[in-house]
PDB file of all heavy atoms in Angstrom:
ATOM      1  N   GLY A   1       1.648 -15.192  10.350  1.00  0.00           N
ATOM      2  CA  GLY A   1       0.641 -14.545  11.155  1.00  0.00           C
ATOM      3  C   GLY A   1       0.965 -13.107  11.503  1.00  0.00           C
ATOM      4  O   GLY A   1       0.082 -12.372  11.953  1.00  0.00           O
ATOM      5  N   ASP A   2       2.213 -12.708  11.309  1.00  0.00           N
ATOM      6  CA  ASP A   2       2.626 -11.337  11.609  1.00  0.00           C
ATOM      7  C   ASP A   2       2.200 -10.377  10.510  1.00  0.00           C
ATOM      8  O   ASP A   2       1.694 -10.778   9.459  1.00  0.00           O
ATOM      9  CB  ASP A   2       4.142 -11.271  11.791  1.00  0.00           C
ATOM     10  CG  ASP A   2       4.599 -11.872  13.099  1.00  0.00           C
ATOM     11  OD1 ASP A   2       3.756 -12.202  13.941  1.00  0.00           O
ATOM     12  OD2 ASP A   2       5.831 -12.013  13.269  1.00  0.00           O
ATOM     13  N   SER A   3       2.425  -9.085  10.751  1.00  0.00           N
ATOM     14  CA  SER A   3       2.099  -8.032   9.801  1.00  0.00           C
ATOM     15  C   SER A   3       3.341  -7.248   9.423  1.00  0.00           C
ATOM     16  O   SER A   3       4.315  -7.189  10.176  1.00  0.00           O
ATOM     17  CB  SER A   3       1.053  -7.080  10.392  1.00  0.00           C
ATOM     18  OG  SER A   3      -0.159  -7.745  10.662  1.00  0.00           O
ATOM     19  N   LEU A   4       3.284  -6.627   8.256  1.00  0.00           N
ATOM     20  CA  LEU A   4       4.397  -5.841   7.754  1.00  0.00           C
ATOM     21  C   LEU A   4       3.847  -4.783   6.807  1.00  0.00           C
ATOM     22  O   LEU A   4       2.881  -5.049   6.083  1.00  0.00           O
ATOM     23  CB  LEU A   4       5.386  -6.746   7.026  1.00  0.00           C
ATOM     24  CG  LEU A   4       6.841  -6.295   6.855  1.00  0.00           C
ATOM     25  CD1 LEU A   4       7.501  -6.112   8.218  1.00  0.00           C
ATOM     26  CD2 LEU A   4       7.602  -7.320   6.032  1.00  0.00           C
ATOM     27  N   ARG A   5       4.437  -3.594   6.810  1.00  0.00           N
ATOM     28  CA  ARG A   5       4.023  -2.552   5.882  1.00  0.00           C
ATOM     29  C   ARG A   5       5.185  -2.158   4.986  1.00  0.00           C
ATOM     30  O   ARG A   5       6.245  -1.746   5.466  1.00  0.00           O
ATOM     31  CB  ARG A   5       3.506  -1.312   6.615  1.00  0.00           C
ATOM     32  CG  ARG A   5       2.886  -0.285   5.655  1.00  0.00           C
ATOM     33  CD  ARG A   5       2.303   0.908   6.359  1.00  0.00           C
ATOM     34  NE  ARG A   5       3.321   1.844   6.809  1.00  0.00           N
ATOM     35  CZ  ARG A   5       3.091   3.102   7.154  1.00  0.00           C
ATOM     36  NH1 ARG A   5       1.847   3.575   7.104  1.00  0.00           N
ATOM     37  NH2 ARG A   5       4.077   3.879   7.581  1.00  0.00           N
ATOM     38  N   LEU A   6       4.973  -2.270   3.689  1.00  0.00           N
ATOM     39  CA  LEU A   6       5.953  -1.860   2.708  1.00  0.00           C
ATOM     40  C   LEU A   6       5.654  -0.444   2.234  1.00  0.00           C
ATOM     41  O   LEU A   6       4.497  -0.045   2.148  1.00  0.00           O
ATOM     42  CB  LEU A   6       5.960  -2.797   1.508  1.00  0.00           C
ATOM     43  CG  LEU A   6       6.161  -4.290   1.794  1.00  0.00           C
ATOM     44  CD1 LEU A   6       6.191  -5.064   0.487  1.00  0.00           C
ATOM     45  CD2 LEU A   6       7.434  -4.516   2.597  1.00  0.00           C
ATOM     46  N   SER A   7       6.702   0.304   1.925  1.00  0.00           N
ATOM     47  CA  SER A   7       6.561   1.662   1.420  1.00  0.00           C
ATOM     48  C   SER A   7       7.253   1.786   0.075  1.00  0.00           C
ATOM     49  O   SER A   7       8.280   1.155  -0.166  1.00  0.00           O
ATOM     50  CB  SER A   7       7.166   2.673   2.403  1.00  0.00           C
ATOM     51  OG  SER A   7       6.500   2.643   3.644  1.00  0.00           O
ATOM     52  N   CYS A   8       6.693   2.611  -0.780  1.00  0.00           N
ATOM     53  CA  CYS A   8       7.272   2.910  -2.083  1.00  0.00           C
ATOM     54  C   CYS A   8       7.316   4.419  -2.231  1.00  0.00           C
ATOM     55  O   CYS A   8       6.274   5.057  -2.423  1.00  0.00           O
ATOM     56  CB  CYS A   8       6.444   2.269  -3.199  1.00  0.00           C
ATOM     57  SG  CYS A   8       7.016   2.670  -4.863  1.00  0.00           S
ATOM     58  N   ALA A   9       8.507   4.987  -2.135  1.00  0.00           N
ATOM     59  CA  ALA A   9       8.687   6.430  -2.217  1.00  0.00           C
ATOM     60  C   ALA A   9       9.091   6.830  -3.629  1.00  0.00           C
ATOM     61  O   ALA A   9       9.996   6.235  -4.214  1.00  0.00           O
ATOM     62  CB  ALA A   9       9.742   6.895  -1.216  1.00  0.00           C
ATOM     63  N   ALA A  10       8.428   7.847  -4.159  1.00  0.00           N
ATOM     64  CA  ALA A  10       8.698   8.317  -5.516  1.00  0.00           C
ATOM     65  C   ALA A  10       9.473   9.623  -5.492  1.00  0.00           C
ATOM     66  O   ALA A  10       9.326  10.438  -4.582  1.00  0.00           O
ATOM     67  CB  ALA A  10       7.398   8.508  -6.283  1.00  0.00           C
ATOM     68  N   SER A  11      10.304   9.813  -6.504  1.00  0.00           N
ATOM     69  CA  SER A  11      11.033  11.057  -6.679  1.00  0.00           C
ATOM     70  C   SER A  11      11.135  11.360  -8.170  1.00  0.00           C
ATOM     71  O   SER A  11      10.891  10.498  -9.005  1.00  0.00           O
ATOM     72  CB  SER A  11      12.429  10.980  -6.056  1.00  0.00           C
ATOM     73  OG  SER A  11      13.211   9.979  -6.682  1.00  0.00           O
ATOM     74  N   GLY A  12      11.490  12.577  -8.492  1.00  0.00           N
ATOM     75  CA  GLY A  12      11.589  12.983  -9.889  1.00  0.00           C
ATOM     76  C   GLY A  12      10.273  13.523 -10.424  1.00  0.00           C
ATOM     77  O   GLY A  12      10.253  14.539 -11.124  1.00  0.00           O
ATOM     78  N   ARG A  13       9.187  12.851 -10.123  1.00  0.00           N
ATOM     79  CA  ARG A  13       7.835  13.263 -10.480  1.00  0.00           C
ATOM     80  C   ARG A  13       6.903  12.978  -9.310  1.00  0.00           C
ATOM     81  O   ARG A  13       7.199  12.112  -8.476  1.00  0.00           O
ATOM     82  CB  ARG A  13       7.328  12.524 -11.728  1.00  0.00           C
ATOM     83  CG  ARG A  13       8.147  12.743 -12.989  1.00  0.00           C
ATOM     84  CD  ARG A  13       8.018  14.165 -13.489  1.00  0.00           C
ATOM     85  NE  ARG A  13       8.783  14.391 -14.707  1.00  0.00           N
ATOM     86  CZ  ARG A  13       8.312  14.255 -15.930  1.00  0.00           C
ATOM     87  NH1 ARG A  13       7.047  13.898 -16.124  1.00  0.00           N
ATOM     88  NH2 ARG A  13       9.096  14.476 -16.979  1.00  0.00           N
ATOM     89  N   THR A  14       5.796  13.680  -9.256  1.00  0.00           N
ATOM     90  CA  THR A  14       4.827  13.438  -8.198  1.00  0.00           C
ATOM     91  C   THR A  14       4.103  12.127  -8.461  1.00  0.00           C
ATOM     92  O   THR A  14       3.675  11.850  -9.585  1.00  0.00           O
ATOM     93  CB  THR A  14       3.809  14.580  -8.102  1.00  0.00           C
ATOM     94  OG1 THR A  14       3.167  14.764  -9.370  1.00  0.00           O
ATOM     95  CG2 THR A  14       4.496  15.870  -7.701  1.00  0.00           C
ATOM     96  N   PHE A  15       3.971  11.306  -7.423  1.00  0.00           N
ATOM     97  CA  PHE A  15       3.366   9.997  -7.553  1.00  0.00           C
ATOM     98  C   PHE A  15       1.894  10.096  -7.929  1.00  0.00           C
ATOM     99  O   PHE A  15       1.330   9.166  -8.510  1.00  0.00           O
ATOM    100  CB  PHE A  15       3.518   9.214  -6.249  1.00  0.00           C
ATOM    101  CG  PHE A  15       3.737   7.733  -6.443  1.00  0.00           C
ATOM    102  CD1 PHE A  15       4.444   7.004  -5.503  1.00  0.00           C
ATOM    103  CD2 PHE A  15       3.243   7.070  -7.551  1.00  0.00           C
ATOM    104  CE1 PHE A  15       4.651   5.648  -5.658  1.00  0.00           C
ATOM    105  CE2 PHE A  15       3.447   5.710  -7.727  1.00  0.00           C
ATOM    106  CZ  PHE A  15       4.153   4.998  -6.765  1.00  0.00           C
ATOM    107  N   SER A  16       1.254  11.212  -7.613  1.00  0.00           N
ATOM    108  CA  SER A  16      -0.162  11.372  -7.923  1.00  0.00           C
ATOM    109  C   SER A  16      -0.435  11.384  -9.421  1.00  0.00           C
ATOM    110  O   SER A  16      -1.586  11.246  -9.837  1.00  0.00           O
ATOM    111  CB  SER A  16      -0.719  12.642  -7.282  1.00  0.00           C
ATOM    112  OG  SER A  16      -0.053  13.794  -7.767  1.00  0.00           O
ATOM    113  N   ASN A  17       0.589  11.541 -10.236  1.00  0.00           N
ATOM    114  CA  ASN A  17       0.434  11.494 -11.681  1.00  0.00           C
ATOM    115  C   ASN A  17       0.346  10.070 -12.214  1.00  0.00           C
ATOM    116  O   ASN A  17       0.114   9.880 -13.409  1.00  0.00           O
ATOM    117  CB  ASN A  17       1.594  12.212 -12.371  1.00  0.00           C
ATOM    118  CG  ASN A  17       1.552  13.710 -12.177  1.00  0.00           C
ATOM    119  OD1 ASN A  17       0.478  14.300 -12.085  1.00  0.00           O
ATOM    120  ND2 ASN A  17       2.718  14.339 -12.120  1.00  0.00           N
ATOM    121  N   TYR A  18       0.524   9.090 -11.347  1.00  0.00           N
ATOM    122  CA  TYR A  18       0.580   7.702 -11.764  1.00  0.00           C
ATOM    123  C   TYR A  18      -0.303   6.818 -10.900  1.00  0.00           C
ATOM    124  O   TYR A  18      -0.473   7.067  -9.702  1.00  0.00           O
ATOM    125  CB  TYR A  18       2.014   7.166 -11.673  1.00  0.00           C
ATOM    126  CG  TYR A  18       3.034   7.995 -12.405  1.00  0.00           C
ATOM    127  CD1 TYR A  18       3.684   9.036 -11.754  1.00  0.00           C
ATOM    128  CD2 TYR A  18       3.349   7.731 -13.729  1.00  0.00           C
ATOM    129  CE1 TYR A  18       4.622   9.807 -12.420  1.00  0.00           C
ATOM    130  CE2 TYR A  18       4.286   8.494 -14.395  1.00  0.00           C
ATOM    131  CZ  TYR A  18       4.918   9.533 -13.738  1.00  0.00           C
ATOM    132  OH  TYR A  18       5.858  10.285 -14.401  1.00  0.00           O
ATOM    133  N   ALA A  19      -0.842   5.771 -11.506  1.00  0.00           N
ATOM    134  CA  ALA A  19      -1.390   4.686 -10.713  1.00  0.00           C
ATOM    135  C   ALA A  19      -0.225   3.934 -10.070  1.00  0.00           C
ATOM    136  O   ALA A  19       0.884   3.929 -10.599  1.00  0.00           O
ATOM    137  CB  ALA A  19      -2.222   3.746 -11.583  1.00  0.00           C
ATOM    138  N   GLY A  20      -0.461   3.311  -8.920  1.00  0.00           N
ATOM    139  CA  GLY A  20       0.580   2.580  -8.218  1.00  0.00           C
ATOM    140  C   GLY A  20       0.235   1.112  -8.070  1.00  0.00           C
ATOM    141  O   GLY A  20      -0.938   0.757  -7.954  1.00  0.00           O
ATOM    142  N   GLY A  21       1.262   0.272  -8.063  1.00  0.00           N
ATOM    143  CA  GLY A  21       1.008  -1.153  -7.948  1.00  0.00           C
ATOM    144  C   GLY A  21       2.150  -1.881  -7.263  1.00  0.00           C
ATOM    145  O   GLY A  21       3.259  -1.359  -7.141  1.00  0.00           O
ATOM    146  N   TRP A  22       1.840  -3.091  -6.803  1.00  0.00           N
ATOM    147  CA  TRP A  22       2.825  -3.970  -6.190  1.00  0.00           C
ATOM    148  C   TRP A  22       2.817  -5.318  -6.888  1.00  0.00           C
ATOM    149  O   TRP A  22       1.749  -5.872  -7.175  1.00  0.00           O
ATOM    150  CB  TRP A  22       2.550  -4.169  -4.699  1.00  0.00           C
ATOM    151  CG  TRP A  22       2.834  -2.967  -3.853  1.00  0.00           C
ATOM    152  CD1 TRP A  22       1.958  -1.997  -3.480  1.00  0.00           C
ATOM    153  CD2 TRP A  22       4.092  -2.621  -3.268  1.00  0.00           C
ATOM    154  NE1 TRP A  22       2.589  -1.061  -2.698  1.00  0.00           N
ATOM    155  CE2 TRP A  22       3.904  -1.421  -2.552  1.00  0.00           C
ATOM    156  CE3 TRP A  22       5.358  -3.208  -3.275  1.00  0.00           C
ATOM    157  CZ2 TRP A  22       4.936  -0.796  -1.849  1.00  0.00           C
ATOM    158  CZ3 TRP A  22       6.380  -2.590  -2.585  1.00  0.00           C
ATOM    159  CH2 TRP A  22       6.166  -1.394  -1.882  1.00  0.00           C
ATOM    160  N   PHE A  23       4.011  -5.840  -7.129  1.00  0.00           N
ATOM    161  CA  PHE A  23       4.210  -7.171  -7.682  1.00  0.00           C
ATOM    162  C   PHE A  23       5.186  -7.912  -6.780  1.00  0.00           C
ATOM    163  O   PHE A  23       5.880  -7.306  -5.966  1.00  0.00           O
ATOM    164  CB  PHE A  23       4.768  -7.106  -9.107  1.00  0.00           C
ATOM    165  CG  PHE A  23       3.808  -6.568 -10.124  1.00  0.00           C
ATOM    166  CD1 PHE A  23       3.499  -5.222 -10.169  1.00  0.00           C
ATOM    167  CD2 PHE A  23       3.214  -7.418 -11.052  1.00  0.00           C
ATOM    168  CE1 PHE A  23       2.618  -4.716 -11.105  1.00  0.00           C
ATOM    169  CE2 PHE A  23       2.328  -6.924 -12.000  1.00  0.00           C
ATOM    170  CZ  PHE A  23       2.031  -5.576 -12.027  1.00  0.00           C
ATOM    171  N   ARG A  24       5.233  -9.226  -6.929  1.00  0.00           N
ATOM    172  CA  ARG A  24       6.196 -10.002  -6.159  1.00  0.00           C
ATOM    173  C   ARG A  24       6.720 -11.161  -6.996  1.00  0.00           C
ATOM    174  O   ARG A  24       6.062 -11.628  -7.919  1.00  0.00           O
ATOM    175  CB  ARG A  24       5.582 -10.523  -4.857  1.00  0.00           C
ATOM    176  CG  ARG A  24       4.465 -11.544  -5.040  1.00  0.00           C
ATOM    177  CD  ARG A  24       3.823 -11.878  -3.709  1.00  0.00           C
ATOM    178  NE  ARG A  24       2.809 -12.900  -3.823  1.00  0.00           N
ATOM    179  CZ  ARG A  24       2.037 -13.302  -2.825  1.00  0.00           C
ATOM    180  NH1 ARG A  24       2.165 -12.759  -1.612  1.00  0.00           N
ATOM    181  NH2 ARG A  24       1.131 -14.260  -3.014  1.00  0.00           N
ATOM    182  N   GLN A  25       7.924 -11.608  -6.643  1.00  0.00           N
ATOM    183  CA  GLN A  25       8.541 -12.713  -7.347  1.00  0.00           C
ATOM    184  C   GLN A  25       9.254 -13.618  -6.356  1.00  0.00           C
ATOM    185  O   GLN A  25      10.189 -13.189  -5.676  1.00  0.00           O
ATOM    186  CB  GLN A  25       9.525 -12.217  -8.405  1.00  0.00           C
ATOM    187  CG  GLN A  25      10.083 -13.320  -9.285  1.00  0.00           C
ATOM    188  CD  GLN A  25      10.834 -12.772 -10.483  1.00  0.00           C
ATOM    189  OE1 GLN A  25      11.311 -11.643 -10.473  1.00  0.00           O
ATOM    190  NE2 GLN A  25      10.926 -13.574 -11.532  1.00  0.00           N
ATOM    191  N   ALA A  26       8.802 -14.857  -6.269  1.00  0.00           N
ATOM    192  CA  ALA A  26       9.428 -15.857  -5.422  1.00  0.00           C
ATOM    193  C   ALA A  26      10.496 -16.599  -6.214  1.00  0.00           C
ATOM    194  O   ALA A  26      10.440 -16.641  -7.449  1.00  0.00           O
ATOM    195  CB  ALA A  26       8.384 -16.833  -4.890  1.00  0.00           C
ATOM    196  N   PRO A  27      11.478 -17.206  -5.544  1.00  0.00           N
ATOM    197  CA  PRO A  27      12.532 -17.934  -6.251  1.00  0.00           C
ATOM    198  C   PRO A  27      11.969 -19.015  -7.164  1.00  0.00           C
ATOM    199  O   PRO A  27      11.126 -19.815  -6.750  1.00  0.00           O
ATOM    200  CB  PRO A  27      13.359 -18.544  -5.118  1.00  0.00           C
ATOM    201  CG  PRO A  27      13.142 -17.628  -3.963  1.00  0.00           C
ATOM    202  CD  PRO A  27      11.710 -17.193  -4.087  1.00  0.00           C
ATOM    203  N   GLY A  28      12.417 -19.019  -8.409  1.00  0.00           N
ATOM    204  CA  GLY A  28      11.989 -20.019  -9.363  1.00  0.00           C
ATOM    205  C   GLY A  28      10.604 -19.811  -9.940  1.00  0.00           C
ATOM    206  O   GLY A  28      10.111 -20.675 -10.669  1.00  0.00           O
ATOM    207  N   LYS A  29       9.959 -18.683  -9.622  1.00  0.00           N
ATOM    208  CA  LYS A  29       8.616 -18.421 -10.111  1.00  0.00           C
ATOM    209  C   LYS A  29       8.569 -17.121 -10.906  1.00  0.00           C
ATOM    210  O   LYS A  29       9.451 -16.278 -10.806  1.00  0.00           O
ATOM    211  CB  LYS A  29       7.623 -18.354  -8.952  1.00  0.00           C
ATOM    212  CG  LYS A  29       7.449 -19.663  -8.203  1.00  0.00           C
ATOM    213  CD  LYS A  29       6.360 -19.556  -7.154  1.00  0.00           C
ATOM    214  CE  LYS A  29       6.138 -20.874  -6.453  1.00  0.00           C
ATOM    215  NZ  LYS A  29       5.058 -20.781  -5.439  1.00  0.00           N
ATOM    216  N   GLU A  30       7.510 -16.976 -11.683  1.00  0.00           N
ATOM    217  CA  GLU A  30       7.302 -15.763 -12.456  1.00  0.00           C
ATOM    218  C   GLU A  30       6.848 -14.628 -11.546  1.00  0.00           C
ATOM    219  O   GLU A  30       6.255 -14.852 -10.492  1.00  0.00           O
ATOM    220  CB  GLU A  30       6.257 -16.002 -13.541  1.00  0.00           C
ATOM    221  CG  GLU A  30       6.627 -17.070 -14.557  1.00  0.00           C
ATOM    222  CD  GLU A  30       7.722 -16.617 -15.492  1.00  0.00           C
ATOM    223  OE1 GLU A  30       7.855 -15.392 -15.704  1.00  0.00           O
ATOM    224  OE2 GLU A  30       8.451 -17.470 -16.002  1.00  0.00           O
ATOM    225  N   ARG A  31       7.129 -13.404 -11.968  1.00  0.00           N
ATOM    226  CA  ARG A  31       6.644 -12.250 -11.234  1.00  0.00           C
ATOM    227  C   ARG A  31       5.121 -12.195 -11.340  1.00  0.00           C
ATOM    228  O   ARG A  31       4.560 -12.359 -12.422  1.00  0.00           O
ATOM    229  CB  ARG A  31       7.265 -10.970 -11.792  1.00  0.00           C
ATOM    230  CG  ARG A  31       6.873  -9.720 -11.028  1.00  0.00           C
ATOM    231  CD  ARG A  31       7.599  -8.498 -11.555  1.00  0.00           C
ATOM    232  NE  ARG A  31       9.039  -8.616 -11.410  1.00  0.00           N
ATOM    233  CZ  ARG A  31       9.891  -7.620 -11.636  1.00  0.00           C
ATOM    234  NH1 ARG A  31       9.437  -6.436 -12.003  1.00  0.00           N
ATOM    235  NH2 ARG A  31      11.192  -7.822 -11.495  1.00  0.00           N
ATOM    236  N   GLU A  32       4.450 -11.966 -10.213  1.00  0.00           N
ATOM    237  CA  GLU A  32       3.002 -11.957 -10.200  1.00  0.00           C
ATOM    238  C   GLU A  32       2.452 -10.661  -9.616  1.00  0.00           C
ATOM    239  O   GLU A  32       3.064 -10.026  -8.752  1.00  0.00           O
ATOM    240  CB  GLU A  32       2.449 -13.151  -9.409  1.00  0.00           C
ATOM    241  CG  GLU A  32       2.781 -13.125  -7.929  1.00  0.00           C
ATOM    242  CD  GLU A  32       2.126 -14.255  -7.153  1.00  0.00           C
ATOM    243  OE1 GLU A  32       1.215 -14.918  -7.706  1.00  0.00           O
ATOM    244  OE2 GLU A  32       2.513 -14.488  -6.002  1.00  0.00           O
ATOM    245  N   PHE A  33       1.278 -10.295 -10.076  1.00  0.00           N
ATOM    246  CA  PHE A  33       0.585  -9.110  -9.602  1.00  0.00           C
ATOM    247  C   PHE A  33       0.068  -9.316  -8.194  1.00  0.00           C
ATOM    248  O   PHE A  33      -0.418 -10.397  -7.852  1.00  0.00           O
ATOM    249  CB  PHE A  33      -0.579  -8.792 -10.544  1.00  0.00           C
ATOM    250  CG  PHE A  33      -1.497  -7.723 -10.038  1.00  0.00           C
ATOM    251  CD1 PHE A  33      -1.175  -6.387 -10.177  1.00  0.00           C
ATOM    252  CD2 PHE A  33      -2.689  -8.057  -9.416  1.00  0.00           C
ATOM    253  CE1 PHE A  33      -2.021  -5.395  -9.716  1.00  0.00           C
ATOM    254  CE2 PHE A  33      -3.547  -7.084  -8.951  1.00  0.00           C
ATOM    255  CZ  PHE A  33      -3.207  -5.747  -9.101  1.00  0.00           C
ATOM    256  N   VAL A  34       0.156  -8.270  -7.366  1.00  0.00           N
ATOM    257  CA  VAL A  34      -0.326  -8.329  -5.992  1.00  0.00           C
ATOM    258  C   VAL A  34      -1.490  -7.372  -5.769  1.00  0.00           C
ATOM    259  O   VAL A  34      -2.567  -7.782  -5.341  1.00  0.00           O
ATOM    260  CB  VAL A  34       0.798  -8.018  -4.983  1.00  0.00           C
ATOM    261  CG1 VAL A  34       0.241  -7.978  -3.559  1.00  0.00           C
ATOM    262  CG2 VAL A  34       1.910  -9.043  -5.093  1.00  0.00           C
ATOM    263  N   ALA A  35      -1.285  -6.086  -6.063  1.00  0.00           N
ATOM    264  CA  ALA A  35      -2.315  -5.082  -5.810  1.00  0.00           C
ATOM    265  C   ALA A  35      -2.020  -3.824  -6.599  1.00  0.00           C
ATOM    266  O   ALA A  35      -0.880  -3.563  -6.975  1.00  0.00           O
ATOM    267  CB  ALA A  35      -2.405  -4.757  -4.310  1.00  0.00           C
ATOM    268  N   ALA A  36      -3.054  -3.009  -6.834  1.00  0.00           N
ATOM    269  CA  ALA A  36      -2.889  -1.746  -7.542  1.00  0.00           C
ATOM    270  C   ALA A  36      -3.910  -0.739  -7.050  1.00  0.00           C
ATOM    271  O   ALA A  36      -4.977  -1.103  -6.539  1.00  0.00           O
ATOM    272  CB  ALA A  36      -3.022  -1.943  -9.053  1.00  0.00           C
ATOM    273  N   ILE A  37      -3.590   0.548  -7.216  1.00  0.00           N
ATOM    274  CA  ILE A  37      -4.466   1.631  -6.793  1.00  0.00           C
ATOM    275  C   ILE A  37      -4.394   2.758  -7.815  1.00  0.00           C
ATOM    276  O   ILE A  37      -3.328   3.063  -8.345  1.00  0.00           O
ATOM    277  CB  ILE A  37      -4.077   2.130  -5.374  1.00  0.00           C
ATOM    278  CG1 ILE A  37      -5.066   3.178  -4.868  1.00  0.00           C
ATOM    279  CG2 ILE A  37      -2.646   2.679  -5.373  1.00  0.00           C
ATOM    280  CD1 ILE A  37      -4.884   3.502  -3.389  1.00  0.00           C
TER     281      ILE A  37
END
């Protein structure tokens, strides 16, 4: 029921040159897509 905010900081190149996405992987499971922008 709680909330949390994750951050992804980019370096080397500007992040605006790329689409961004989040994936997650639980123990014993395949990596799965979460969200993209």
